[in-house]
Amino acid sequence: MISLKSKNAFLHEGERQNESMPYERFLKYGADSLTDAELLAIIIRTGTGKLSAVDIGKRLLDKSEKYERGLSGLCHLTKDEIMAIPGIGEVKAVKLMCISELSKRIAKSDAIKRLRFNSPKSIASYFMEELCHEEKEQVHLLCFNNQLELLCEELLTVGTVNMSLLSVRDVFVAALKNRAVNIVLIHNHPGGDPYPSSADFNLTENIRKAGELLEMRLRDHIIIGNHRYYSFKEQGNLN
């Protein structure tokens, strides 16, 4: 006859075994029944002698928290940082990085369905998932015709952690090449705060003035922060 103590030990062992089998739980209950660590465990597949795949998933989430709480922080991890976790080699690290990239592209493809080029909020939503995780400042240019139909999107510069090297000339060389009549400038602040710096204000005003001379209107300059944005148009800083 099994004692109560032995029975409880058996049940606890069963619970631990169930927790370490997220693939089977996925098949039985669906993906939405799994924790973030368990979803990662299915991708990681195997553990080590001391760590289950779920344990490795938890360590991956712990490491990502230094960048951002939850799954969003995974987008910031480098391959070397991921591979520093026991049980993750190069193949698994590449798979995890590809999944992070896919998540950003899925978010962007969903945002494009709601995209309206005369709406700063709509444009910011479209670029948010792509730019809010970047660790270097990027400047993008949207070029439009007279009917506000998108002609092109160009990446103008990729800067360092806190600045991008951009001149007014860079903007209008790209705009004229694409025969733009209206333009929107977009860039990110890796620090997370989208409020413009004095350099941002000066650059925006110089582009606006140069655009008037070229009969090309700067319709907005949008700065992307950590799930926040600043629009010069919405704040009344562009005519």
Protein backbone atom coordinates (compact mmCIF):
# COMPACT_ATOMS: atom_id res chain seq x y z
CA MET A 1 0.00 0.00 0.00
CA ILE A 2 1.37 3.41 -0.98
CA SER A 3 1.74 5.83 1.93
CA LEU A 4 0.27 9.35 1.77
CA LYS A 5 3.81 10.78 1.74
CA SER A 6 4.80 8.55 -1.18
CA LYS A 7 1.60 9.40 -3.00
CA ASN A 8 2.21 13.12 -2.63
CA ALA A 9 5.79 12.69 -3.84
CA PHE A 10 4.48 10.79 -6.85
CA LEU A 11 1.95 13.55 -7.61
CA HIS A 12 4.59 16.27 -7.33
CA GLU A 13 6.86 14.33 -9.65
CA GLY A 14 3.96 14.02 -12.09
CA GLU A 15 3.36 17.76 -11.92
CA ARG A 16 7.03 18.45 -12.64
CA GLN A 17 6.98 16.04 -15.54
CA ASN A 18 3.84 17.69 -16.93
CA GLU A 19 5.47 21.12 -16.62
CA SER A 20 8.48 19.87 -18.58
CA MET A 21 6.33 18.62 -21.48
CA PRO A 22 4.95 21.81 -23.07
CA TYR A 23 4.75 20.17 -26.51
CA GLU A 24 2.23 17.64 -25.23
CA ARG A 25 0.28 20.38 -23.43
CA PHE A 26 0.24 22.39 -26.64
CA LEU A 27 -1.33 19.44 -28.49
CA LYS A 28 -3.90 18.91 -25.74
CA TYR A 29 -4.83 22.48 -24.77
CA GLY A 30 -3.47 24.78 -27.49
CA ALA A 31 -0.77 27.47 -27.63
CA ASP A 32 -2.70 29.99 -25.52
CA SER A 33 -2.50 27.63 -22.51
CA LEU A 34 1.31 27.88 -22.38
CA THR A 35 3.48 30.41 -20.58
CA ASP A 36 6.11 32.42 -22.45
CA ALA A 37 8.83 30.11 -21.11
CA GLU A 38 6.91 27.03 -22.28
CA LEU A 39 6.45 28.46 -25.76
CA LEU A 40 10.18 29.11 -25.92
CA ALA A 41 10.81 25.58 -24.64
CA ILE A 42 9.03 24.11 -27.67
CA ILE A 43 11.44 26.01 -29.92
CA ILE A 44 14.46 25.12 -27.77
CA ARG A 45 13.27 21.46 -27.73
CA THR A 46 15.93 19.87 -25.52
CA GLY A 47 17.49 20.75 -22.21
CA THR A 48 20.73 19.82 -20.50
CA GLY A 49 21.49 17.33 -17.76
CA LYS A 50 20.54 19.91 -15.12
CA LEU A 51 18.09 22.16 -16.96
CA SER A 52 14.85 21.34 -18.75
CA ALA A 53 13.90 23.21 -21.92
CA VAL A 54 11.41 25.22 -19.80
CA ASP A 55 14.22 26.18 -17.39
CA ILE A 56 16.30 27.39 -20.34
CA GLY A 57 13.29 29.38 -21.59
CA LYS A 58 13.00 31.04 -18.17
CA ARG A 59 16.70 31.94 -18.19
CA LEU A 60 16.30 33.44 -21.64
CA LEU A 61 13.43 35.63 -20.39
CA ASP A 62 15.46 36.63 -17.32
CA LYS A 63 18.34 37.73 -19.54
CA SER A 64 16.02 39.75 -21.82
CA GLU A 65 14.61 41.71 -18.87
CA LYS A 66 17.70 43.91 -18.72
CA TYR A 67 16.46 45.40 -21.99
CA GLU A 68 12.70 45.25 -21.61
CA ARG A 69 10.23 43.28 -19.51
CA GLY A 70 8.69 40.20 -21.13
CA LEU A 71 9.13 38.83 -24.61
CA SER A 72 9.88 42.22 -26.18
CA GLY A 73 13.36 42.18 -24.66
CA LEU A 74 14.30 39.15 -26.75
CA CYS A 75 14.58 41.40 -29.79
CA HIS A 76 17.56 43.14 -28.16
CA LEU A 77 19.60 40.02 -27.39
CA THR A 78 22.61 39.28 -29.56
CA LYS A 79 23.53 35.80 -30.74
CA ASP A 80 26.42 35.68 -28.27
CA GLU A 81 24.17 36.67 -25.36
CA ILE A 82 21.68 33.95 -26.26
CA MET A 83 24.42 31.34 -26.68
CA ALA A 84 25.80 32.21 -23.22
CA ILE A 85 22.76 30.43 -21.74
CA PRO A 86 23.52 26.74 -21.04
CA GLY A 87 21.76 24.47 -23.51
CA ILE A 88 21.59 27.00 -26.36
CA GLY A 89 24.02 26.55 -29.22
CA GLU A 90 24.33 28.47 -32.46
CA VAL A 91 21.47 26.68 -34.25
CA LYS A 92 18.99 27.36 -31.44
CA ALA A 93 20.18 30.95 -31.09
CA VAL A 94 19.65 31.60 -34.80
CA LYS A 95 16.16 30.06 -34.61
CA LEU A 96 15.23 32.29 -31.67
CA MET A 97 16.55 35.40 -33.44
CA CYS A 98 14.59 34.51 -36.58
CA ILE A 99 11.41 34.17 -34.50
CA SER A 100 12.03 37.62 -32.99
CA GLU A 101 12.43 39.06 -36.48
CA LEU A 102 9.27 37.31 -37.68
CA SER A 103 7.31 38.78 -34.75
CA LYS A 104 8.40 42.28 -35.76
CA ARG A 105 7.43 41.67 -39.38
CA ILE A 106 4.04 40.24 -38.38
CA ALA A 107 3.36 43.32 -36.25
CA LYS A 108 4.35 45.59 -39.14
CA SER A 109 2.23 43.72 -41.70
CA ASP A 110 -0.75 43.98 -39.33
CA ALA A 111 -0.16 47.71 -38.85
CA ILE A 112 -0.06 48.36 -42.61
CA LYS A 113 -3.73 47.34 -42.85
CA ARG A 114 -4.62 50.34 -40.69
CA LEU A 115 -2.05 52.69 -42.20
CA ARG A 116 -3.27 56.15 -43.19
CA PHE A 117 -0.55 58.48 -44.34
CA ASN A 118 -2.37 61.60 -43.16
CA SER A 119 -2.50 60.21 -39.61
CA PRO A 120 0.65 60.53 -37.43
CA LYS A 121 -0.65 57.85 -35.05
CA SER A 122 -1.16 55.45 -37.95
CA ILE A 123 2.35 56.04 -39.31
CA ALA A 124 3.89 55.71 -35.84
CA SER A 125 2.07 52.40 -35.29
CA TYR A 126 3.42 51.09 -38.58
CA PHE A 127 7.04 51.81 -37.60
CA MET A 128 6.75 51.17 -33.87
CA GLU A 129 7.64 47.46 -33.71
CA GLU A 130 10.44 47.87 -36.22
CA LEU A 131 12.14 50.85 -34.58
CA CYS A 132 11.38 50.77 -30.86
CA HIS A 133 13.77 47.81 -30.37
CA GLU A 134 16.66 49.24 -32.37
CA GLU A 135 19.79 50.13 -30.39
CA LYS A 136 21.07 52.60 -32.97
CA GLU A 137 19.27 55.63 -34.30
CA GLN A 138 17.78 55.19 -37.77
CA VAL A 139 16.28 57.84 -40.03
CA HIS A 140 13.62 56.84 -42.56
CA LEU A 141 12.10 58.98 -45.29
CA LEU A 142 8.60 58.52 -46.74
CA CYS A 143 8.04 60.09 -50.15
CA PHE A 144 4.56 60.94 -51.46
CA ASN A 145 3.04 62.41 -54.57
CA ASN A 146 0.50 65.26 -54.59
CA GLN A 147 -2.36 62.85 -53.74
CA LEU A 148 -0.45 61.52 -50.69
CA GLU A 149 0.14 58.17 -52.39
CA LEU A 150 3.31 56.52 -51.14
CA LEU A 151 6.12 56.57 -53.70
CA CYS A 152 8.86 55.01 -51.58
CA GLU A 153 10.29 54.40 -48.13
CA GLU A 154 14.04 54.90 -47.77
CA LEU A 155 16.44 54.27 -44.90
CA LEU A 156 18.64 57.36 -44.96
CA THR A 157 21.10 56.73 -42.14
CA VAL A 158 21.97 54.40 -39.29
CA GLY A 159 23.77 56.22 -36.49
CA THR A 160 25.32 55.37 -33.16
CA VAL A 161 23.51 54.85 -29.85
CA ASN A 162 22.52 58.49 -29.50
CA MET A 163 22.81 60.27 -32.82
CA SER A 164 22.44 59.97 -36.56
CA LEU A 165 24.60 61.79 -39.06
CA LEU A 166 22.03 63.42 -41.33
CA SER A 167 22.12 66.57 -43.41
CA VAL A 168 19.31 68.46 -45.12
CA ARG A 169 20.99 67.59 -48.41
CA ASP A 170 20.67 63.83 -47.68
CA VAL A 171 16.93 64.21 -47.29
CA PHE A 172 16.30 66.11 -50.49
CA VAL A 173 18.68 64.08 -52.66
CA ALA A 174 16.49 61.06 -51.85
CA ALA A 175 13.24 63.02 -52.16
CA LEU A 176 14.09 64.53 -55.54
CA LYS A 177 15.30 61.18 -56.84
CA ASN A 178 11.85 59.76 -56.09
CA ARG A 179 10.00 62.86 -57.44
CA ALA A 180 8.31 63.47 -54.12
CA VAL A 181 5.94 66.37 -53.53
CA ASN A 182 5.34 65.60 -49.85
CA ILE A 183 7.70 63.95 -47.36
CA VAL A 184 7.55 62.54 -43.83
CA LEU A 185 10.66 62.02 -41.74
CA ILE A 186 10.78 59.23 -39.12
CA HIS A 187 13.52 58.33 -36.69
CA ASN A 188 13.89 56.50 -33.39
CA HIS A 189 15.38 57.38 -30.01
CA PRO A 190 17.09 54.22 -28.65
CA GLY A 191 16.89 55.64 -25.12
CA GLY A 192 13.10 55.29 -25.25
CA ASP A 193 12.06 58.94 -24.75
CA PRO A 194 10.61 60.29 -28.02
CA TYR A 195 10.76 63.98 -27.05
CA PRO A 196 12.87 65.89 -29.62
CA SER A 197 16.34 67.13 -28.83
CA SER A 198 17.41 70.66 -29.77
CA ALA A 199 19.17 69.11 -32.78
CA ASP A 200 15.88 67.44 -33.82
CA PHE A 201 14.06 70.77 -33.65
CA ASN A 202 16.77 72.54 -35.67
CA LEU A 203 16.96 69.82 -38.32
CA THR A 204 13.18 69.76 -38.71
CA GLU A 205 12.99 73.52 -39.17
CA ASN A 206 15.84 73.50 -41.71
CA ILE A 207 14.16 70.72 -43.72
CA ARG A 208 10.86 72.58 -43.62
CA LYS A 209 12.46 75.79 -44.95
CA ALA A 210 14.43 73.97 -47.65
CA GLY A 211 11.28 72.13 -48.70
CA GLU A 212 9.45 75.41 -49.21
CA LEU A 213 12.15 76.58 -51.63
CA LEU A 214 11.87 73.28 -53.55
CA GLU A 215 8.04 73.27 -53.43
CA MET A 216 8.20 70.08 -51.39
CA ARG A 217 6.26 69.99 -48.13
CA LEU A 218 7.52 68.36 -44.95
CA ARG A 219 4.21 67.03 -43.65
CA ASP A 220 5.54 65.55 -40.41
CA HIS A 221 8.58 64.43 -38.46
CA ILE A 222 7.78 61.51 -36.17
CA ILE A 223 10.10 60.26 -33.44
CA ILE A 224 9.65 56.70 -32.16
CA GLY A 225 10.46 55.89 -28.54
CA ASN A 226 9.67 52.91 -26.34
CA HIS A 227 6.08 52.27 -27.48
CA ARG A 228 5.57 56.03 -27.57
CA TYR A 229 5.96 58.61 -30.31
CA TYR A 230 6.26 62.35 -30.85
CA SER A 231 4.73 64.01 -33.91
CA PHE A 232 5.83 67.53 -34.85
CA LYS A 233 2.54 67.91 -36.73
CA GLU A 234 0.36 66.87 -33.78
CA GLN A 235 2.27 69.15 -31.43
CA GLY A 236 1.76 72.15 -33.73
CA ASN A 237 5.43 72.48 -34.69
CA LEU A 238 4.79 72.25 -38.43
CA ASN A 239 2.52 74.48 -40.48
